[in-house]
Protein backbone atom coordinates (compact mmCIF):
# COMPACT_ATOMS: atom_id res chain seq x y z
CA MET A 1 14.10 -8.18 -1.57
CA PHE A 2 13.15 -6.01 1.36
CA ALA A 3 11.49 -6.78 4.66
CA CYS A 4 10.14 -5.21 7.61
CA VAL A 5 8.11 -6.42 10.84
CA LEU A 6 4.51 -5.21 11.09
CA PRO A 7 2.82 -4.49 14.30
CA GLY A 8 2.37 -7.63 16.23
CA GLY A 9 5.36 -9.17 14.74
CA LEU A 10 4.27 -10.19 11.46
CA ALA A 11 6.92 -10.31 9.10
CA MET A 12 6.28 -8.64 5.50
CA SER A 13 8.59 -8.53 2.66
CA THR A 14 8.66 -6.81 -0.95
CA VAL A 15 7.98 -9.62 -3.59
CA ASN A 16 9.42 -9.64 -6.86
CA ARG A 17 8.86 -11.94 -9.97
CA LYS A 18 11.98 -13.79 -9.65
CA GLY A 19 10.29 -16.24 -7.08
CA LEU A 20 6.74 -15.62 -8.19
CA GLN A 21 5.54 -16.64 -4.74
CA PRO A 22 5.23 -14.33 -1.64
CA PRO A 23 6.97 -15.69 1.56
CA LEU A 24 5.08 -18.41 3.03
CA LEU A 25 4.29 -16.54 6.37
CA LEU A 26 2.84 -13.55 4.54
CA LEU A 27 0.74 -15.67 2.37
CA THR A 28 -0.56 -17.54 4.99
CA ALA A 29 -1.36 -14.51 7.13
CA LEU A 30 -3.06 -12.71 4.03
CA LEU A 31 -5.17 -15.75 3.28
CA GLY A 32 -6.15 -16.24 7.07
CA LEU A 33 -7.14 -12.56 7.54
CA PRO A 34 -10.53 -12.64 5.74
CA LEU A 35 -11.50 -15.97 7.68
CA ILE A 36 -10.38 -14.41 11.35
CA ALA A 37 -12.25 -11.20 10.49
CA GLN A 38 -15.27 -13.10 9.29
CA GLN A 39 -15.46 -15.27 12.32
CA HIS A 40 -14.83 -12.05 14.73
CA GLY A 41 -17.36 -10.15 12.71
CA ALA A 42 -20.05 -13.10 13.19
CA GLN A 43 -19.56 -12.92 16.73
CA GLN A 44 -19.44 -9.22 17.53
CA GLY A 45 -21.13 -7.54 14.50
CA PRO A 46 -19.38 -5.63 11.62
CA ASP A 47 -15.38 -4.93 12.09
CA ILE A 48 -14.83 -1.28 12.27
CA VAL A 49 -11.53 -0.26 10.58
CA TRP A 50 -9.89 2.51 8.90
CA THR A 51 -10.90 2.71 5.26
CA TRP A 52 -9.97 4.74 2.30
CA SER A 53 -13.26 5.60 0.49
CA ALA A 54 -14.90 8.50 -1.48
CA GLN A 55 -17.87 7.71 1.26
CA CYS A 56 -15.55 9.24 3.87
CA ASN A 57 -16.13 12.92 4.43
CA THR A 58 -12.85 15.13 3.72
CA ASN A 59 -12.23 16.01 7.42
CA GLN A 60 -9.50 13.44 7.77
CA GLN A 61 -7.24 12.55 4.85
CA LEU A 62 -3.82 10.93 4.21
CA ARG A 63 -1.37 12.95 2.02
CA VAL A 64 0.60 10.44 -0.06
CA ALA A 65 3.72 11.11 -1.87
CA VAL A 66 5.89 8.72 -3.90
CA ARG A 67 9.31 9.70 -4.57
CA LEU A 68 11.90 8.18 -6.62
CA GLY A 69 15.38 9.88 -5.59
CA SER A 70 14.50 13.74 -5.57
CA LYS A 71 11.80 13.27 -8.31
CA LEU A 72 8.08 13.31 -7.01
CA LEU A 73 6.10 10.57 -8.93
CA TYR A 74 2.89 10.92 -7.24
CA GLU A 75 1.07 13.12 -4.54
CA GLY A 76 -2.34 13.10 -3.60
CA LEU A 77 -4.88 13.26 -0.68
CA LEU A 78 -7.02 10.28 0.00
CA PRO A 79 -10.08 10.63 2.16
CA ILE A 80 -10.07 8.32 5.09
CA CYS A 81 -12.44 7.40 8.01
CA ARG A 82 -13.35 4.47 10.22
CA GLY A 83 -15.99 2.12 8.75
CA ASN A 84 -16.85 -1.28 7.73
CA ARG A 85 -14.48 -3.14 5.65
CA ASP A 86 -17.10 -3.13 2.86
CA ALA A 87 -16.51 0.69 2.39
CA GLU A 88 -12.73 0.07 1.27
CA LYS A 89 -12.61 1.33 -2.21
CA GLY A 90 -9.61 3.55 -2.58
CA ARG A 91 -7.49 3.40 -5.77
CA ALA A 92 -4.93 5.74 -7.22
CA GLU A 93 -2.89 5.49 -10.54
CA PHE A 94 0.39 7.35 -11.71
CA TYR A 95 2.56 7.29 -14.60
CA PHE A 96 6.23 7.97 -15.20
CA PHE A 97 9.32 7.17 -17.23
CA SER A 98 12.41 5.70 -15.92
CA ASP A 99 15.28 3.20 -17.11
CA ARG A 100 16.16 2.51 -13.32
CA VAL A 101 16.52 -0.97 -12.22
CA PHE A 102 13.94 -2.12 -9.80
CA GLY A 103 14.26 -5.00 -7.24
CA GLY A 104 17.80 -5.21 -8.41
CA GLU A 105 16.92 -6.88 -11.86
CA TYR A 106 13.87 -5.30 -13.73
CA ARG A 107 14.61 -2.47 -16.15
CA ALA A 108 12.11 -0.64 -18.08
CA ARG A 109 13.37 1.02 -21.34
CA ARG A 110 13.29 4.79 -21.09
CA ARG A 111 10.50 5.01 -23.66
CA ASP A 112 8.23 2.48 -21.80
CA SER A 113 5.56 4.08 -19.60
CA ILE A 114 5.74 2.64 -16.03
CA GLU A 115 2.26 2.62 -14.36
CA GLY A 116 2.16 3.13 -10.40
CA ASP A 117 -0.98 1.74 -8.60
CA ILE A 118 -1.90 2.40 -5.06
CA TRP A 119 -5.00 0.62 -3.36
CA GLN A 120 -6.11 -0.25 0.14
CA ALA A 121 -4.85 -3.79 0.71
CA GLY A 122 -6.55 -3.84 4.25
CA GLY A 123 -7.63 -1.93 7.14
CA ALA A 124 -6.97 -2.27 10.84
CA LYS A 125 -8.26 -0.46 13.91
CA ASP A 126 -5.07 1.55 14.14
CA GLY A 127 -4.12 2.04 10.52
CA LEU A 128 -4.56 1.23 6.80
CA VAL A 129 -2.43 -1.13 4.74
CA LEU A 130 -1.69 0.26 1.24
CA GLY A 131 -0.71 -1.75 -1.77
CA ILE A 132 1.76 -0.19 -4.24
CA SER A 133 2.67 -1.85 -7.50
CA LEU A 134 5.11 -0.56 -10.61
CA ALA A 135 4.50 -2.16 -13.84
CA THR A 136 5.06 -1.75 -17.60
CA LYS A 137 2.87 -3.42 -20.07
CA LYS A 138 5.12 -6.35 -20.23
CA GLN A 139 6.24 -7.04 -16.57
CA VAL A 140 5.59 -6.25 -13.00
CA MET A 141 8.73 -4.26 -11.57
CA LEU A 142 7.57 -4.15 -7.86
CA ASN A 143 4.64 -5.04 -5.62
CA SER A 144 4.77 -3.96 -1.84
CA LEU A 145 3.00 -2.82 1.14
CA HIS A 146 3.06 0.22 3.32
CA ILE A 147 1.36 0.72 6.70
CA ALA A 148 -0.31 4.10 6.82
CA SER A 149 -1.23 5.74 10.11
CA PRO A 150 -4.01 7.97 10.46
CA ASP A 151 -2.17 9.72 13.39
CA LYS A 152 1.50 10.03 12.40
CA LYS A 153 3.60 10.40 9.31
CA THR A 154 5.13 7.14 8.10
CA SER A 155 7.50 6.23 5.29
CA THR A 156 8.57 2.96 3.60
CA GLU A 157 11.54 2.49 1.46
CA LEU A 158 9.95 0.17 -1.37
CA ASP A 159 13.27 -0.23 -3.13
CA LYS A 160 16.36 1.48 -3.19
CA GLY A 161 15.60 5.18 -3.57
CA LEU A 162 12.00 4.69 -3.94
CA TYR A 163 9.64 5.90 -0.86
CA ILE A 164 6.08 6.13 -0.16
CA THR A 165 5.42 8.58 2.72
CA THR A 166 1.86 9.04 4.15
CA THR A 167 0.91 12.03 6.24
CA PRO A 168 -2.22 12.51 8.33
CA VAL A 169 -4.15 15.89 7.35
CA ILE A 170 -7.09 16.91 9.53
CA THR A 171 -9.28 19.74 8.48
CA ARG A 172 -12.00 21.33 10.58
């Protein structure tokens, strides 16, 4: 299990299936966020956050790269913009083969395809939260979060040697 501290001091950790439950602090925070956002939105109008959506123009994008050791598993450009939480619609998939152990205990057979999913797990005024999971048809190998900034390059080690890196790209 890997842990990090999010802006504002909120603790986050990578969840594996051994415990089957995320840490209580993370669960409480994630369950409380929609209620807080709803109350805040009711008082001051819609909450404007960073979103990943096809509705965004392509002037601002995030380059996303997922690497396992020196092997590039996924690279893509995600259109991002500031908007209402309802616009969050981003999702990307990729596939690869590996007999590597994930989370210290989950090993796929070399012939098993591993599906990688990246989605927008949340938005904030200063960035996006991307969810990433790896799974075979039989088991979830990894489920984690990455904090992406629209202003600077950020990188997260999801598991030993497995990294997701986001880099802002601005076109004119």
